[in-house]
Amino acid sequence: MVMLEVLGPGLLGLLLVSFFAAFMSTIDTHLNWGASYLVNDIYRRFLRPAAGERESVLAAKLCVFMMMVCAVLVAFFLTSIGRAWLFVWAMGAGIGPVLILRWFWWRINAWSEIAALASSVTLAVGFEVVAAIQTGGDYRLFATPVQVADMALQTHHKALLLVPVTIVAWLVATLATRPVSPERLESFFLKVRPGGWWGPVSAAHREVVTDGFDFTRLGVWAAGCAGVYGFLFGLGKLVLGEPVAAVPLLVLAAASGVVVGWELRRS
């Protein structure tokens, strides 16, 4: 609407072409990225370890085609892009702690991440299946909430279920499977010198000085997050003509920048 209202024929065409370019760059990135995962991590690793380059390229093309078909089907039935983003969020809601703790806890392994992602995806899809069963023909993809008694489960309700269940799943998977090989753990520890809980690895290399893990750095991390969000939303409020709401957000961003800058100078 803004484009049609403000821009003339030349600039309107230029901006439209830039939107198409941005769209295509995103689509081809995800298609090639997805195909590389499916072929290298699944097809060549488990299904066809002896596959040659020609066969692998053909498999990648078929993966791209199948993903495009799935994407078209989803887009055809999609009624809310906002709800679709919430579904994507739900699929990865429980994997955050694993992605952070793998830098601080030596027991995290590949099965931890697989269990976290698999449980999050299963629960997210399960919510949609339950919603479809409850509503029958009135179901709208990613836009129909699950009903529990007289309450519709919103995003925060789903998080209260998704995150704890996912944490339990990846913790069980972590403790039930073998840790990463000592050689790889040692190589990582000597190269990165991570803080946290590295048990036998740090015990075998007491001469290594790690970065440590303290609440000061946790506070700086929180300040960095607050600064990014404060600046983004503060600038948004300013652009939308809401200076009263923008000022405290921008002040928060500035204060957070001071905290992060102080830590950078100190360290």
Protein backbone atom coordinates (compact mmCIF):
# COMPACT_ATOMS: atom_id res chain seq x y z
CA MET A 1 0.00 0.00 0.00
CA VAL A 2 2.83 2.41 0.82
CA MET A 3 4.58 1.55 -2.45
CA LEU A 4 1.47 2.25 -4.54
CA GLU A 5 0.74 5.45 -2.63
CA VAL A 6 4.21 6.99 -2.59
CA LEU A 7 6.31 5.65 -5.47
CA GLY A 8 6.14 6.51 -9.14
CA PRO A 9 6.50 4.04 -12.04
CA GLY A 10 10.31 3.92 -12.06
CA LEU A 11 10.95 3.54 -8.33
CA LEU A 12 7.94 1.24 -7.96
CA GLY A 13 9.38 -1.14 -10.55
CA LEU A 14 12.84 -0.98 -8.97
CA LEU A 15 11.50 -1.79 -5.50
CA LEU A 16 9.30 -4.58 -6.89
CA VAL A 17 12.33 -6.14 -8.58
CA SER A 18 14.30 -5.89 -5.32
CA PHE A 19 11.47 -7.70 -3.51
CA PHE A 20 11.53 -10.48 -6.10
CA ALA A 21 15.32 -10.72 -5.73
CA ALA A 22 15.05 -10.93 -1.95
CA PHE A 23 12.34 -13.59 -2.28
CA MET A 24 14.37 -15.69 -4.70
CA SER A 25 17.56 -15.44 -2.62
CA THR A 26 15.68 -16.71 0.43
CA ILE A 27 13.93 -19.51 -1.45
CA ASP A 28 17.02 -20.86 -3.24
CA THR A 29 19.07 -20.63 -0.04
CA HIS A 30 16.61 -22.73 1.92
CA LEU A 31 16.08 -25.23 -0.87
CA ASN A 32 19.81 -25.82 -1.39
CA TRP A 33 20.43 -25.79 2.35
CA GLY A 34 17.68 -28.33 2.94
CA ALA A 35 18.88 -30.53 0.10
CA SER A 36 22.43 -30.51 1.48
CA TYR A 37 21.15 -31.64 4.88
CA LEU A 38 18.99 -34.41 3.43
CA VAL A 39 21.68 -35.71 1.07
CA ASN A 40 24.85 -35.34 3.15
CA ASP A 41 23.47 -36.03 6.63
CA ILE A 42 20.85 -38.66 5.82
CA TYR A 43 21.07 -40.10 2.30
CA ARG A 44 24.87 -40.49 2.01
CA ARG A 45 25.36 -41.24 5.68
CA PHE A 46 22.65 -43.83 6.35
CA LEU A 47 20.86 -44.83 3.13
CA ARG A 48 23.55 -44.85 0.42
CA PRO A 49 27.06 -44.43 1.90
CA ALA A 50 28.63 -45.52 -1.40
CA ALA A 51 26.68 -43.04 -3.54
CA GLY A 52 28.77 -41.24 -6.13
CA GLU A 53 28.66 -37.57 -7.06
CA ARG A 54 26.23 -38.04 -9.98
CA GLU A 55 23.79 -39.99 -7.80
CA SER A 56 24.11 -37.46 -4.97
CA VAL A 57 23.37 -34.54 -7.29
CA LEU A 58 20.30 -36.37 -8.63
CA ALA A 59 19.15 -37.05 -5.06
CA ALA A 60 19.63 -33.36 -4.23
CA LYS A 61 17.50 -32.31 -7.23
CA LEU A 62 14.73 -34.70 -6.14
CA CYS A 63 14.92 -33.28 -2.61
CA VAL A 64 14.57 -29.73 -3.95
CA PHE A 65 11.55 -30.80 -6.01
CA MET A 66 9.86 -32.55 -3.07
CA MET A 67 10.48 -29.59 -0.76
CA MET A 68 9.00 -27.21 -3.33
CA VAL A 69 5.89 -29.40 -3.64
CA CYS A 70 5.50 -29.44 0.15
CA ALA A 71 6.02 -25.66 0.31
CA VAL A 72 3.38 -25.04 -2.37
CA LEU A 73 0.88 -27.26 -0.53
CA VAL A 74 1.52 -25.47 2.76
CA ALA A 75 1.25 -22.05 1.10
CA PHE A 76 -2.02 -23.05 -0.58
CA PHE A 77 -3.64 -23.89 2.77
CA LEU A 78 -1.95 -21.15 4.79
CA THR A 79 -4.29 -18.49 6.19
CA SER A 80 -1.99 -16.59 8.58
CA ILE A 81 1.71 -15.89 8.09
CA GLY A 82 1.94 -14.81 11.74
CA ARG A 83 0.63 -18.18 12.91
CA ALA A 84 3.06 -19.91 10.56
CA TRP A 85 5.96 -18.10 12.26
CA LEU A 86 4.64 -19.22 15.64
CA PHE A 87 4.58 -22.79 14.37
CA VAL A 88 8.21 -22.48 13.22
CA TRP A 89 9.06 -21.09 16.66
CA ALA A 90 7.32 -24.03 18.35
CA MET A 91 9.32 -26.54 16.30
CA GLY A 92 12.55 -25.19 17.76
CA ALA A 93 11.35 -23.94 21.13
CA GLY A 94 13.04 -26.59 23.22
CA ILE A 95 16.43 -26.77 21.50
CA GLY A 96 17.70 -23.43 22.83
CA PRO A 97 19.13 -24.77 26.13
CA VAL A 98 21.02 -27.50 24.24
CA LEU A 99 22.56 -25.03 21.80
CA ILE A 100 23.78 -22.94 24.75
CA LEU A 101 24.84 -25.75 27.10
CA ARG A 102 26.94 -27.54 24.49
CA TRP A 103 29.51 -24.79 25.09
CA PHE A 104 29.48 -25.32 28.86
CA TRP A 105 28.73 -29.01 29.56
CA TRP A 106 30.91 -31.82 28.24
CA ARG A 107 28.10 -34.41 28.22
CA ILE A 108 26.09 -32.71 25.46
CA ASN A 109 26.33 -34.74 22.26
CA ALA A 110 24.62 -35.03 18.88
CA TRP A 111 21.83 -37.15 20.36
CA SER A 112 21.01 -34.30 22.74
CA GLU A 113 20.32 -31.97 19.82
CA ILE A 114 18.47 -34.65 17.84
CA ALA A 115 16.22 -35.48 20.81
CA ALA A 116 15.52 -31.80 21.51
CA LEU A 117 14.62 -31.03 17.91
CA ALA A 118 12.62 -34.24 17.40
CA SER A 119 10.54 -33.73 20.55
CA SER A 120 9.84 -30.08 19.71
CA VAL A 121 8.79 -30.94 16.16
CA THR A 122 6.65 -33.86 17.35
CA LEU A 123 4.82 -31.72 19.91
CA ALA A 124 4.35 -28.80 17.50
CA VAL A 125 2.90 -31.08 14.82
CA GLY A 126 0.90 -32.90 17.48
CA PHE A 127 -0.82 -29.66 18.49
CA GLU A 128 -1.87 -29.12 14.88
CA VAL A 129 -3.16 -32.71 14.56
CA VAL A 130 -5.21 -32.38 17.74
CA ALA A 131 -6.61 -29.03 16.56
CA ALA A 132 -7.58 -30.58 13.21
CA ILE A 133 -9.32 -33.50 14.93
CA GLN A 134 -11.20 -31.19 17.29
CA THR A 135 -12.47 -28.83 14.61
CA GLY A 136 -12.92 -31.21 11.68
CA GLY A 137 -13.71 -29.26 8.52
CA ASP A 138 -13.22 -25.85 10.19
CA TYR A 139 -9.49 -26.37 10.73
CA ARG A 140 -7.17 -23.66 9.40
CA LEU A 141 -3.49 -24.51 9.02
CA PHE A 142 -1.41 -23.10 11.92
CA ALA A 143 -4.29 -20.77 12.83
CA THR A 144 -6.63 -23.05 14.80
CA PRO A 145 -5.71 -23.40 18.51
CA VAL A 146 -6.11 -26.56 20.55
CA GLN A 147 -9.08 -26.43 22.91
CA VAL A 148 -8.70 -27.69 26.48
CA ALA A 149 -12.08 -27.45 28.21
CA ASP A 150 -13.17 -23.85 27.55
CA MET A 151 -9.64 -22.51 27.02
CA ALA A 152 -7.80 -22.16 23.72
CA LEU A 153 -4.09 -22.90 24.03
CA GLN A 154 -2.13 -19.80 23.04
CA THR A 155 1.59 -19.50 22.32
CA HIS A 156 2.60 -19.08 25.98
CA HIS A 157 0.49 -22.08 26.97
CA LYS A 158 2.23 -24.22 24.36
CA ALA A 159 5.62 -23.00 25.60
CA LEU A 160 4.77 -24.18 29.11
CA LEU A 161 4.30 -27.67 27.64
CA LEU A 162 6.91 -27.68 24.88
CA VAL A 163 9.95 -26.50 26.79
CA PRO A 164 9.76 -28.77 29.89
CA VAL A 165 8.93 -31.88 27.83
CA THR A 166 11.77 -31.13 25.42
CA ILE A 167 14.23 -30.56 28.27
CA VAL A 168 13.31 -33.91 29.82
CA ALA A 169 13.67 -35.62 26.42
CA TRP A 170 17.15 -34.30 25.65
CA LEU A 171 18.38 -34.84 29.20
CA VAL A 172 17.31 -38.49 29.06
CA ALA A 173 18.91 -38.87 25.62
CA THR A 174 22.12 -37.23 26.83
CA LEU A 175 22.52 -39.43 29.90
CA ALA A 176 21.43 -42.60 28.06
CA THR A 177 23.94 -42.25 25.21
CA ARG A 178 27.70 -42.21 25.08
CA PRO A 179 29.51 -38.90 25.37
CA VAL A 180 31.57 -37.50 22.53
CA SER A 181 34.91 -39.25 22.09
CA PRO A 182 37.65 -38.05 24.50
CA GLU A 183 39.88 -37.06 21.59
CA ARG A 184 37.30 -34.71 20.10
CA LEU A 185 36.37 -33.26 23.49
CA GLU A 186 40.03 -32.63 24.24
CA SER A 187 40.61 -30.97 20.86
CA PHE A 188 37.59 -28.71 21.37
CA PHE A 189 38.57 -27.86 24.94
CA LEU A 190 42.14 -26.93 24.04
CA LYS A 191 41.05 -24.81 21.08
CA VAL A 192 38.05 -22.99 22.58
CA ARG A 193 38.94 -23.02 26.31
CA PRO A 194 35.26 -22.91 27.30
CA GLY A 195 34.02 -22.21 30.80
CA GLY A 196 31.48 -24.31 32.63
CA TRP A 197 31.44 -27.96 33.53
CA TRP A 198 34.03 -29.96 31.61
CA GLY A 199 34.65 -32.70 34.18
CA PRO A 200 37.35 -35.18 33.12
CA VAL A 201 38.49 -32.99 30.22
CA SER A 202 39.39 -30.00 32.38
CA ALA A 203 40.79 -32.31 35.07
CA ALA A 204 43.26 -33.73 32.55
CA HIS A 205 44.36 -30.24 31.43
CA ARG A 206 44.60 -28.14 34.56
CA GLU A 207 47.20 -25.95 32.89
CA VAL A 208 44.56 -24.56 30.48
CA VAL A 209 43.09 -21.25 31.58
CA THR A 210 39.44 -21.12 30.51
CA ASP A 211 37.26 -18.09 29.94
CA GLY A 212 35.28 -19.01 33.04
CA PHE A 213 31.59 -18.67 33.72
CA ASP A 214 30.35 -15.99 36.06
CA PHE A 215 27.22 -13.94 36.62
CA THR A 216 28.93 -10.77 35.40
CA ARG A 217 29.14 -12.14 31.88
CA LEU A 218 25.57 -13.39 32.17
CA GLY A 219 24.52 -9.84 33.03
CA VAL A 220 26.44 -8.43 30.05
CA TRP A 221 24.74 -10.98 27.80
CA ALA A 222 21.33 -9.87 29.15
CA ALA A 223 22.30 -6.24 28.57
CA GLY A 224 23.26 -7.03 24.99
CA CYS A 225 19.90 -8.68 24.35
CA ALA A 226 18.06 -5.77 25.97
CA GLY A 227 20.05 -3.31 23.88
CA VAL A 228 19.26 -5.04 20.59
CA TYR A 229 15.54 -5.36 21.32
CA GLY A 230 15.31 -1.88 22.84
CA PHE A 231 16.88 -0.32 19.75
CA LEU A 232 14.77 -2.32 17.29
CA PHE A 233 11.42 -1.71 18.95
CA GLY A 234 12.32 1.83 19.99
CA LEU A 235 13.20 2.75 16.41
CA GLY A 236 9.99 1.06 15.25
CA LYS A 237 7.88 3.06 17.68
CA LEU A 238 9.63 6.25 16.58
CA VAL A 239 8.94 5.54 12.91
CA LEU A 240 5.29 4.77 13.68
CA GLY A 241 4.88 8.12 15.43
CA GLU A 242 4.82 6.91 19.03
CA PRO A 243 7.64 8.89 20.70
CA VAL A 244 6.30 8.35 24.23
CA ALA A 245 6.74 4.59 23.84
CA ALA A 246 10.00 4.98 21.88
CA VAL A 247 11.93 7.06 24.43
CA PRO A 248 12.20 4.47 27.26
CA LEU A 249 13.11 1.74 24.77
CA LEU A 250 15.88 3.85 23.24
CA VAL A 251 17.12 4.85 26.71
CA LEU A 252 17.25 1.13 27.58
CA ALA A 253 19.24 0.47 24.41
CA ALA A 254 21.70 3.27 25.23
CA ALA A 255 22.17 2.08 28.81
CA SER A 256 22.72 -1.48 27.62
CA GLY A 257 25.30 -0.24 25.12
CA VAL A 258 27.19 1.46 27.95
CA VAL A 259 27.23 -1.80 29.95
CA VAL A 260 28.47 -3.84 26.98
CA GLY A 261 31.06 -1.21 26.09
CA TRP A 262 32.34 -1.15 29.68
CA GLU A 263 32.76 -4.93 29.64
CA LEU A 264 34.61 -4.81 26.31
CA ARG A 265 37.03 -2.20 27.64
CA ARG A 266 37.48 -4.09 30.90
CA SER A 267 38.28 -7.39 29.22
